[in-house]
Amino acid sequence: MIISRTPFRVSFLGGGSDIPWYYENSKEGGCVLSTSIRRYMHIAIHAFFGDKRIRLKYAKLEDVERVDDIQHPIIRAALSRVDLGPGTEITSFADIPTGTGLGSSSSFTVGLLNALHRMAGRSLPKWELAEQACEIELNDVGSPIGKQDQFAAAFGGLNIFRFLSDGRVLVEPLRVSDDTIKRLQANLRLYYVGGCRDANRLLKEQGAADRREKTIAATREMAGKVDTLKSALEAGDVDAVGPLLHDAWTQKRSLSDSVTNGEIDDVYERARAAGSTGGKLLGAGAGGFILLAHPDHDRLATALQGIRSLPFEVDMAGSEIIFPK
């Protein structure tokens, strides 16, 4: 048996600039500052007792004879690239549901590829793992997404990812102290506003031709603040995070009416009234988790009573095989 563990991610600034139609037509390319977090997707692969079939256990159960018969598009595409043959069982389980803005789909893809390649007797460098996950999601499956989630899941840690117009991705780990990480974790927390949204639909809407000019302008402004946040964090200034997140959320809300709703706006306004210095809804919008900055999250929990929250904890490992060690 092989078990992979792959982190989810939190994107601070620059989301949207990692989508090909943006960075391929932008002189400055795209850039995102994000971190992987200690919430994980696990993939287990082992020989199936029914040795001539393929059994899959995710939100559904599939039991098929051929790879082409698999309904799950990512698993079908991955097994087309790394064919283990019949007699394979694949099971996935996650700490947090999909569709909540934490990049779970790409964590699934990266973790699946990591486990498949190890089952086939080889280990891929993190770079190749991320690139293969991008090829599957963007090309094989045709999802209208970007590349930040795959790289965040594969590499782990706090990074800037720069997306060049020729498709290359540069990875720049932030040079931050352990003390800065500790204070950043204390300053931030994830609040669940409910709902699982269709990120593909929202991204298609935001990138539609009649909205593209507006989307480009807002995305360029958000991406332009990535290096400002990098400098602040490398200098140990975690207090800069909240206001920059607030500016990014203001820009993101301008992209589409479907990015937010009355319930999300109410939670954010209550948080701000209680002293939050800023935050943003994670992912494409419409539901999931809000990342909020506040010097006293006990006080914020009182203001947001009844709203489930999770600690913000940085993962440094990225996707890894946890069994066998």
Protein backbone atom coordinates (compact mmCIF):
# COMPACT_ATOMS: atom_id res chain seq x y z
CA MET A 1 0.00 0.00 0.00
CA ILE A 2 1.05 3.58 -0.74
CA ILE A 3 -0.44 6.60 1.07
CA SER A 4 0.27 10.18 0.05
CA ARG A 5 -0.52 13.28 2.10
CA THR A 6 -0.91 16.58 0.25
CA PRO A 7 -1.69 19.97 1.83
CA PHE A 8 -4.42 22.42 0.94
CA ARG A 9 -3.43 26.02 0.36
CA VAL A 10 -4.32 29.59 1.31
CA SER A 11 -3.73 32.23 -1.35
CA PHE A 12 -2.94 35.69 -0.01
CA LEU A 13 -2.53 37.87 -3.09
CA GLY A 14 -2.41 37.58 -6.86
CA GLY A 15 -5.09 34.92 -7.42
CA GLY A 16 -6.32 34.98 -11.01
CA SER A 17 -2.97 36.04 -12.42
CA ASP A 18 -2.03 32.34 -12.59
CA ILE A 19 -4.67 31.61 -15.24
CA PRO A 20 -3.14 31.09 -18.71
CA TRP A 21 -5.28 33.63 -20.58
CA TYR A 22 -4.00 36.28 -18.15
CA TYR A 23 -0.26 35.60 -17.87
CA GLU A 24 0.16 34.61 -21.54
CA ASN A 25 -1.08 38.06 -22.59
CA SER A 26 0.45 40.12 -19.81
CA LYS A 27 3.83 41.78 -20.21
CA GLU A 28 4.59 41.35 -16.52
CA GLY A 29 3.12 37.84 -16.31
CA GLY A 30 1.36 36.74 -13.14
CA CYS A 31 2.43 36.22 -9.54
CA VAL A 32 0.80 34.77 -6.45
CA LEU A 33 1.86 34.71 -2.81
CA SER A 34 0.43 31.71 -1.02
CA THR A 35 1.12 29.07 1.58
CA SER A 36 0.21 25.45 2.06
CA ILE A 37 -1.63 24.72 5.31
CA ARG A 38 -1.86 21.80 7.71
CA ARG A 39 -5.11 20.46 6.29
CA TYR A 40 -4.64 17.53 3.95
CA MET A 41 -5.85 15.30 1.15
CA HIS A 42 -4.88 11.65 1.60
CA ILE A 43 -4.71 9.16 -1.25
CA ALA A 44 -4.28 5.44 -0.61
CA ILE A 45 -3.46 2.95 -3.39
CA HIS A 46 -3.14 -0.80 -3.05
CA ALA A 47 -3.71 -4.00 -4.95
CA PHE A 48 -7.44 -4.76 -5.30
CA PHE A 49 -8.62 -8.25 -4.35
CA GLY A 50 -10.72 -8.31 -7.52
CA ASP A 51 -7.53 -8.52 -9.51
CA LYS A 52 -9.04 -7.74 -12.92
CA ARG A 53 -10.87 -4.56 -11.95
CA ILE A 54 -10.23 -1.00 -10.85
CA ARG A 55 -12.05 0.16 -7.73
CA LEU A 56 -12.27 3.84 -6.75
CA LYS A 57 -13.57 5.27 -3.49
CA TYR A 58 -14.05 9.03 -3.31
CA ALA A 59 -17.39 10.84 -2.96
CA LYS A 60 -18.67 8.01 -5.17
CA LEU A 61 -17.79 4.36 -5.57
CA GLU A 62 -16.64 3.14 -8.98
CA ASP A 63 -15.84 -0.43 -9.95
CA VAL A 64 -14.74 -0.73 -13.58
CA GLU A 65 -12.70 -2.95 -15.86
CA ARG A 66 -10.89 -0.31 -17.93
CA VAL A 67 -9.38 3.13 -17.35
CA ASP A 68 -11.58 4.54 -20.13
CA ASP A 69 -14.67 3.52 -18.15
CA ILE A 70 -13.74 5.69 -15.15
CA GLN A 71 -16.15 8.58 -14.60
CA HIS A 72 -13.89 10.75 -12.42
CA PRO A 73 -12.05 12.89 -15.01
CA ILE A 74 -8.89 13.50 -12.97
CA ILE A 75 -8.45 9.86 -11.96
CA ARG A 76 -9.11 8.76 -15.55
CA ALA A 77 -6.52 11.22 -16.87
CA ALA A 78 -3.94 10.30 -14.20
CA LEU A 79 -4.31 6.55 -14.80
CA SER A 80 -3.98 7.17 -18.53
CA ARG A 81 -0.55 8.64 -17.78
CA VAL A 82 0.49 6.20 -15.02
CA ASP A 83 -1.32 2.96 -15.83
CA LEU A 84 -0.95 0.45 -13.02
CA GLY A 85 -3.13 -2.04 -14.86
CA PRO A 86 -6.14 -3.91 -13.47
CA GLY A 87 -6.27 -4.95 -9.86
CA THR A 88 -5.91 -1.43 -8.43
CA GLU A 89 -7.90 0.22 -5.64
CA ILE A 90 -7.69 3.97 -4.99
CA THR A 91 -9.25 5.67 -1.99
CA SER A 92 -9.26 9.37 -1.09
CA PHE A 93 -10.18 11.14 2.14
CA ALA A 94 -9.77 14.78 3.08
CA ASP A 95 -9.72 16.94 6.20
CA ILE A 96 -12.02 19.52 4.59
CA PRO A 97 -14.74 19.16 1.91
CA THR A 98 -14.08 20.20 -1.68
CA GLY A 99 -15.38 23.50 -3.01
CA THR A 100 -14.40 25.55 0.04
CA GLY A 101 -11.67 27.71 -1.52
CA LEU A 102 -8.57 25.83 -0.31
CA GLY A 103 -7.43 24.29 -3.62
CA SER A 104 -8.63 20.78 -2.77
CA SER A 105 -9.05 19.67 -6.38
CA SER A 106 -5.40 20.31 -7.17
CA SER A 107 -4.30 18.77 -3.87
CA PHE A 108 -6.20 15.67 -4.99
CA THR A 109 -4.46 15.66 -8.38
CA VAL A 110 -0.97 16.21 -6.95
CA GLY A 111 -1.47 13.61 -4.22
CA LEU A 112 -2.87 11.09 -6.69
CA LEU A 113 0.08 11.51 -9.05
CA ASN A 114 2.55 11.27 -6.17
CA ALA A 115 1.02 7.99 -4.99
CA LEU A 116 0.65 6.54 -8.50
CA HIS A 117 4.27 7.20 -9.43
CA ARG A 118 5.51 5.75 -6.12
CA MET A 119 3.30 2.68 -6.67
CA ALA A 120 4.96 2.37 -10.09
CA GLY A 121 8.37 2.39 -8.40
CA ARG A 122 9.58 5.95 -8.91
CA SER A 123 9.56 9.34 -7.18
CA LEU A 124 8.99 12.60 -9.03
CA PRO A 125 10.68 15.90 -8.12
CA LYS A 126 8.18 18.44 -6.77
CA TRP A 127 8.54 20.52 -9.91
CA GLU A 128 7.56 17.65 -12.20
CA LEU A 129 4.73 16.64 -9.89
CA ALA A 130 3.26 20.16 -10.10
CA GLU A 131 3.71 20.37 -13.87
CA GLN A 132 2.02 17.01 -14.48
CA ALA A 133 -0.89 18.05 -12.25
CA CYS A 134 -1.25 21.26 -14.30
CA GLU A 135 -1.23 19.29 -17.54
CA ILE A 136 -3.98 17.00 -16.28
CA GLU A 137 -6.25 19.73 -14.91
CA LEU A 138 -5.74 22.39 -17.57
CA ASN A 139 -5.15 20.28 -20.69
CA ASP A 140 -6.52 16.76 -20.20
CA VAL A 141 -9.62 17.77 -18.20
CA GLY A 142 -9.93 21.31 -19.57
CA SER A 143 -10.67 23.10 -16.29
CA PRO A 144 -10.59 26.94 -16.59
CA ILE A 145 -8.23 27.23 -13.64
CA GLY A 146 -4.69 28.42 -13.02
CA LYS A 147 -1.44 26.88 -11.85
CA GLN A 148 -0.97 28.21 -8.32
CA ASP A 149 -2.81 25.41 -6.50
CA GLN A 150 -0.79 22.58 -8.03
CA PHE A 151 2.52 24.24 -7.20
CA ALA A 152 1.45 25.16 -3.67
CA ALA A 153 0.31 21.59 -3.01
CA ALA A 154 3.48 20.03 -4.41
CA PHE A 155 6.08 22.36 -2.88
CA GLY A 156 4.58 23.33 0.49
CA GLY A 157 5.67 26.34 2.52
CA LEU A 158 5.26 30.07 2.04
CA ASN A 159 6.13 31.03 -1.55
CA ILE A 160 5.76 33.41 -4.42
CA PHE A 161 4.94 31.69 -7.70
CA ARG A 162 5.67 33.74 -10.82
CA PHE A 163 3.89 32.73 -14.03
CA LEU A 164 5.77 33.75 -17.15
CA SER A 165 4.13 34.41 -20.51
CA ASP A 166 5.84 31.34 -22.01
CA GLY A 167 4.20 29.06 -19.42
CA ARG A 168 7.18 28.61 -17.12
CA VAL A 169 6.69 28.94 -13.36
CA LEU A 170 9.32 30.34 -11.00
CA VAL A 171 9.19 29.34 -7.34
CA GLU A 172 10.52 31.80 -4.76
CA PRO A 173 10.36 30.63 -1.11
CA LEU A 174 9.97 33.55 1.29
CA ARG A 175 12.85 34.11 3.69
CA VAL A 176 10.93 34.40 6.95
CA SER A 177 11.94 33.52 10.49
CA ASP A 178 10.27 30.92 12.66
CA ASP A 179 9.11 33.75 14.90
CA THR A 180 7.41 35.48 11.97
CA ILE A 181 5.63 32.24 11.03
CA LYS A 182 4.49 31.83 14.63
CA ARG A 183 3.13 35.40 14.79
CA LEU A 184 1.50 35.05 11.38
CA GLN A 185 -0.28 31.91 12.54
CA ALA A 186 -1.50 33.71 15.65
CA ASN A 187 -2.75 36.68 13.62
CA LEU A 188 -4.76 34.71 11.04
CA ARG A 189 -7.65 32.26 11.28
CA LEU A 190 -10.03 30.55 8.85
CA TYR A 191 -13.79 31.08 9.25
CA TYR A 192 -16.25 28.85 7.44
CA VAL A 193 -19.15 30.75 5.87
CA GLY A 194 -20.72 27.62 4.41
CA GLY A 195 -21.56 26.37 0.97
CA CYS A 196 -19.57 24.49 -1.62
CA ARG A 197 -19.28 26.46 -4.84
CA ASP A 198 -18.41 25.51 -8.41
CA ALA A 199 -15.06 27.25 -8.92
CA ASN A 200 -14.97 26.33 -12.62
CA ARG A 201 -18.25 28.14 -13.28
CA LEU A 202 -17.16 31.23 -11.36
CA LEU A 203 -13.78 31.39 -13.10
CA LYS A 204 -15.40 31.04 -16.52
CA GLU A 205 -17.74 33.90 -15.64
CA GLN A 206 -14.93 36.14 -14.39
CA GLY A 207 -12.84 35.44 -17.50
CA ALA A 208 -15.66 35.92 -20.00
CA ALA A 209 -14.76 38.14 -22.96
CA ASP A 210 -17.19 40.89 -22.01
CA ARG A 211 -15.67 41.14 -18.51
CA ARG A 212 -12.06 40.48 -19.34
CA GLU A 213 -10.86 44.07 -19.43
CA LYS A 214 -12.24 44.71 -15.94
CA THR A 215 -10.86 41.41 -14.66
CA ILE A 216 -7.39 42.17 -16.06
CA ALA A 217 -7.28 45.59 -14.38
CA ALA A 218 -8.33 44.24 -10.98
CA THR A 219 -6.05 41.21 -11.22
CA ARG A 220 -3.05 43.34 -12.20
CA GLU A 221 -3.59 45.56 -9.16
CA MET A 222 -3.86 42.57 -6.80
CA ALA A 223 -0.78 40.88 -8.26
CA GLY A 224 1.11 44.15 -8.06
CA LYS A 225 0.96 44.03 -4.26
CA VAL A 226 2.57 40.60 -3.97
CA ASP A 227 6.09 41.98 -3.60
CA THR A 228 4.86 44.53 -1.05
CA LEU A 229 3.58 41.70 1.13
CA LYS A 230 6.75 39.69 0.53
CA SER A 231 8.91 42.56 1.79
CA ALA A 232 6.70 43.04 4.83
CA LEU A 233 6.77 39.38 5.83
CA GLU A 234 10.51 39.03 5.28
CA ALA A 235 10.92 42.07 7.55
CA GLY A 236 8.72 40.38 10.18
CA ASP A 237 5.80 42.81 9.74
CA VAL A 238 2.76 40.51 10.03
CA ASP A 239 0.50 43.49 10.76
CA ALA A 240 0.73 44.44 7.07
CA VAL A 241 -1.19 41.32 6.06
CA GLY A 242 -4.68 42.40 7.13
CA PRO A 243 -4.88 45.72 5.24
CA LEU A 244 -3.42 44.14 2.08
CA LEU A 245 -5.96 41.31 2.26
CA HIS A 246 -8.73 43.89 2.67
CA ASP A 247 -7.61 45.74 -0.45
CA ALA A 248 -7.48 42.46 -2.38
CA TRP A 249 -10.98 41.50 -1.23
CA THR A 250 -12.32 44.89 -2.30
CA GLN A 251 -10.83 44.34 -5.76
CA LYS A 252 -12.05 40.76 -5.99
CA ARG A 253 -15.63 41.75 -5.15
CA SER A 254 -15.59 44.08 -8.15
CA LEU A 255 -15.02 41.17 -10.57
CA SER A 256 -18.53 39.73 -10.42
CA ASP A 257 -21.76 39.92 -8.44
CA SER A 258 -21.47 36.17 -7.82
CA VAL A 259 -18.18 36.46 -5.89
CA THR A 260 -20.00 37.30 -2.65
CA ASN A 261 -23.49 37.36 -1.14
CA GLY A 262 -25.34 38.93 1.76
CA GLU A 263 -24.29 36.30 4.29
CA ILE A 264 -20.60 36.57 3.39
CA ASP A 265 -20.74 40.37 3.45
CA ASP A 266 -22.44 40.28 6.87
CA VAL A 267 -19.73 38.05 8.34
CA TYR A 268 -16.99 40.26 6.95
CA GLU A 269 -18.61 43.48 8.19
CA ARG A 270 -19.09 41.99 11.68
CA ALA A 271 -15.44 40.95 11.71
CA ARG A 272 -14.30 44.43 10.71
CA ALA A 273 -16.53 46.03 13.35
CA ALA A 274 -14.92 43.74 15.94
CA GLY A 275 -11.43 44.94 15.01
CA SER A 276 -10.31 42.68 12.16
CA THR A 277 -7.68 44.50 10.12
CA GLY A 278 -8.77 42.72 6.94
CA GLY A 279 -9.39 39.45 5.23
CA LYS A 280 -10.66 37.83 2.08
CA LEU A 281 -12.86 35.02 0.88
CA LEU A 282 -10.63 32.23 -0.36
CA GLY A 283 -10.92 30.62 -3.78
CA ALA A 284 -13.08 31.80 -6.67
CA GLY A 285 -15.85 33.11 -4.43
CA ALA A 286 -19.46 32.48 -3.38
CA GLY A 287 -18.72 30.35 -0.30
CA GLY A 288 -16.20 28.37 1.69
CA PHE A 289 -13.65 29.94 4.02
CA ILE A 290 -12.84 33.55 4.86
CA LEU A 291 -9.30 34.25 6.03
CA LEU A 292 -9.39 36.98 8.70
CA ALA A 293 -6.60 38.90 10.41
CA HIS A 294 -7.13 39.98 14.02
CA PRO A 295 -4.78 40.51 16.98
CA ASP A 296 -7.27 38.77 19.32
CA HIS A 297 -9.19 35.85 17.82
CA ASP A 298 -10.96 35.15 21.11
CA ARG A 299 -12.62 38.53 20.72
CA LEU A 300 -13.37 37.85 17.08
CA ALA A 301 -14.91 34.46 17.96
CA THR A 302 -17.35 36.29 20.26
CA ALA A 303 -18.35 38.63 17.43
CA LEU A 304 -18.73 35.71 15.02
CA GLN A 305 -20.41 33.37 17.49
CA GLY A 306 -21.75 30.23 15.84
CA ILE A 307 -19.37 30.39 12.88
CA ARG A 308 -16.99 27.46 12.75
CA SER A 309 -13.31 28.34 12.53
CA LEU A 310 -9.99 26.60 12.05
CA PRO A 311 -6.49 27.64 13.11
CA PHE A 312 -4.18 28.91 10.39
CA GLU A 313 -1.15 26.59 10.42
CA VAL A 314 1.60 26.62 7.80
CA ASP A 315 2.67 23.31 6.22
CA MET A 316 6.29 23.23 5.09
CA ALA A 317 6.52 19.75 3.54
CA GLY A 318 4.20 19.82 0.53
CA SER A 319 3.02 16.55 -0.96
CA GLU A 320 4.77 13.54 0.54
CA ILE A 321 4.47 9.77 0.84
CA ILE A 322 3.66 8.97 4.47
CA PHE A 323 3.37 5.20 4.06
CA PRO A 324 5.64 3.42 3.72
CA LYS A 325 8.14 5.86 5.18
